[in-house]
Amino acid sequence: MKAIYTLKEKEVDINFINSLKALFKGKTVHITITDEADETSYLLGNKANRDHIMSNLTSTEKKVFTDKGFDTLVDQLSK
């Protein structure tokens, strides 16, 4: 049996532990705990990524496409 729980730290209480014990009674369990990843911090944590993101955010070059115009560009670039 496999179960995945996503909880806030305050929800990990004795009631939760007791429900786990009842659900897996008599079995060996493997518990892995991870915290929620902050994608922005992760991406900005690398200098090369941060520089690339900041460059894109400050870029004045903008392109606007119609559906057909975008499809045409994709066709041209894929040749």
C-alpha atoms as a PDB file:
ATOM      1  CA  MET A   1       0.000   0.000   0.000  1.00  0.00           C
ATOM      2  CA  LYS A   2       1.209   3.508  -0.789  1.00  0.00           C
ATOM      3  CA  ALA A   3      -0.200   6.734   0.617  1.00  0.00           C
ATOM      4  CA  ILE A   4       0.931  10.310   0.070  1.00  0.00           C
ATOM      5  CA  TYR A   5      -0.070  13.000   2.549  1.00  0.00           C
ATOM      6  CA  THR A   6       0.405  16.720   2.018  1.00  0.00           C
ATOM      7  CA  LEU A   7       0.118  18.570   5.298  1.00  0.00           C
ATOM      8  CA  LYS A   8       0.946  21.828   7.001  1.00  0.00           C
ATOM      9  CA  GLU A   9       3.348  21.344   9.907  1.00  0.00           C
ATOM     10  CA  LYS A  10       0.622  22.139  12.450  1.00  0.00           C
ATOM     11  CA  GLU A  11      -1.479  19.271  11.058  1.00  0.00           C
ATOM     12  CA  VAL A  12       1.202  16.743  12.037  1.00  0.00           C
ATOM     13  CA  ASP A  13      -0.155  15.992  15.476  1.00  0.00           C
ATOM     14  CA  ILE A  14      -0.838  12.958  17.642  1.00  0.00           C
ATOM     15  CA  ASN A  15      -4.150  12.330  15.854  1.00  0.00           C
ATOM     16  CA  PHE A  16      -2.346  12.096  12.518  1.00  0.00           C
ATOM     17  CA  ILE A  17       0.291   9.773  13.988  1.00  0.00           C
ATOM     18  CA  ASN A  18      -2.409   7.563  15.501  1.00  0.00           C
ATOM     19  CA  SER A  19      -4.258   7.373  12.172  1.00  0.00           C
ATOM     20  CA  LEU A  20      -1.042   6.277  10.465  1.00  0.00           C
ATOM     21  CA  LYS A  21      -0.476   3.629  13.101  1.00  0.00           C
ATOM     22  CA  ALA A  22      -4.028   2.305  12.644  1.00  0.00           C
ATOM     23  CA  LEU A  23      -3.777   2.346   8.830  1.00  0.00           C
ATOM     24  CA  PHE A  24      -0.455   0.494   8.739  1.00  0.00           C
ATOM     25  CA  LYS A  25      -0.937  -1.683  11.824  1.00  0.00           C
ATOM     26  CA  GLY A  26       1.576  -4.526  11.945  1.00  0.00           C
ATOM     27  CA  LYS A  27       3.482  -3.289   8.887  1.00  0.00           C
ATOM     28  CA  THR A  28       6.857  -1.685   8.455  1.00  0.00           C
ATOM     29  CA  VAL A  29       6.541   1.842   7.050  1.00  0.00           C
ATOM     30  CA  HIS A  30       9.018   4.073   5.279  1.00  0.00           C
ATOM     31  CA  ILE A  31       8.500   7.801   5.928  1.00  0.00           C
ATOM     32  CA  THR A  32      10.084  10.474   3.713  1.00  0.00           C
ATOM     33  CA  ILE A  33       9.605  14.129   4.579  1.00  0.00           C
ATOM     34  CA  THR A  34      10.195  16.965   2.118  1.00  0.00           C
ATOM     35  CA  ASP A  35       9.349  20.628   2.293  1.00  0.00           C
ATOM     36  CA  GLU A  36       7.592  22.537  -0.440  1.00  0.00           C
ATOM     37  CA  ALA A  37       9.998  23.894  -3.032  1.00  0.00           C
ATOM     38  CA  ASP A  38       9.944  27.615  -3.733  1.00  0.00           C
ATOM     39  CA  GLU A  39      10.530  27.689  -7.486  1.00  0.00           C
ATOM     40  CA  THR A  40      11.339  31.388  -7.615  1.00  0.00           C
ATOM     41  CA  SER A  41      14.039  31.100  -4.950  1.00  0.00           C
ATOM     42  CA  TYR A  42      15.422  28.007  -6.666  1.00  0.00           C
ATOM     43  CA  LEU A  43      15.649  29.705 -10.078  1.00  0.00           C
ATOM     44  CA  LEU A  44      17.078  32.935  -8.705  1.00  0.00           C
ATOM     45  CA  GLY A  45      19.574  31.038  -6.539  1.00  0.00           C
ATOM     46  CA  ASN A  46      21.784  30.330  -9.544  1.00  0.00           C
ATOM     47  CA  LYS A  47      23.609  33.420 -10.887  1.00  0.00           C
ATOM     48  CA  ALA A  48      23.318  32.363 -14.547  1.00  0.00           C
ATOM     49  CA  ASN A  49      19.571  31.734 -14.202  1.00  0.00           C
ATOM     50  CA  ARG A  50      19.045  34.974 -12.270  1.00  0.00           C
ATOM     51  CA  ASP A  51      20.954  37.010 -14.888  1.00  0.00           C
ATOM     52  CA  HIS A  52      18.980  35.402 -17.734  1.00  0.00           C
ATOM     53  CA  ILE A  53      15.611  35.985 -16.026  1.00  0.00           C
ATOM     54  CA  MET A  54      16.417  39.589 -15.144  1.00  0.00           C
ATOM     55  CA  SER A  55      17.635  40.249 -18.681  1.00  0.00           C
ATOM     56  CA  ASN A  56      14.384  38.904 -20.105  1.00  0.00           C
ATOM     57  CA  LEU A  57      12.282  40.939 -17.667  1.00  0.00           C
ATOM     58  CA  THR A  58      13.996  44.179 -18.631  1.00  0.00           C
ATOM     59  CA  SER A  59      14.132  43.487 -22.363  1.00  0.00           C
ATOM     60  CA  THR A  60      12.298  46.023 -24.494  1.00  0.00           C
ATOM     61  CA  GLU A  61      12.070  43.663 -27.464  1.00  0.00           C
ATOM     62  CA  LYS A  62       8.512  42.374 -27.735  1.00  0.00           C
ATOM     63  CA  LYS A  63       6.834  40.248 -30.382  1.00  0.00           C
ATOM     64  CA  VAL A  64       3.110  39.961 -30.913  1.00  0.00           C
ATOM     65  CA  PHE A  65       1.724  37.249 -33.170  1.00  0.00           C
ATOM     66  CA  THR A  66      -1.588  36.276 -34.605  1.00  0.00           C
ATOM     67  CA  ASP A  67      -2.239  32.532 -34.475  1.00  0.00           C
ATOM     68  CA  LYS A  68      -1.332  32.227 -38.155  1.00  0.00           C
ATOM     69  CA  GLY A  69       1.773  34.386 -37.754  1.00  0.00           C
ATOM     70  CA  PHE A  70       3.043  32.216 -34.908  1.00  0.00           C
ATOM     71  CA  ASP A  71       2.412  29.030 -36.891  1.00  0.00           C
ATOM     72  CA  THR A  72       4.283  30.536 -39.850  1.00  0.00           C
ATOM     73  CA  LEU A  73       7.292  31.411 -37.675  1.00  0.00           C
ATOM     74  CA  VAL A  74       7.350  27.917 -36.150  1.00  0.00           C
ATOM     75  CA  ASP A  75       7.264  26.391 -39.634  1.00  0.00           C
ATOM     76  CA  GLN A  76      10.163  28.617 -40.740  1.00  0.00           C
ATOM     77  CA  LEU A  77      12.280  27.852 -37.664  1.00  0.00           C
ATOM     78  CA  SER A  78      11.693  24.109 -37.893  1.00  0.00           C
ATOM     79  CA  LYS A  79      13.089  23.842 -41.435  1.00  0.00           C
END
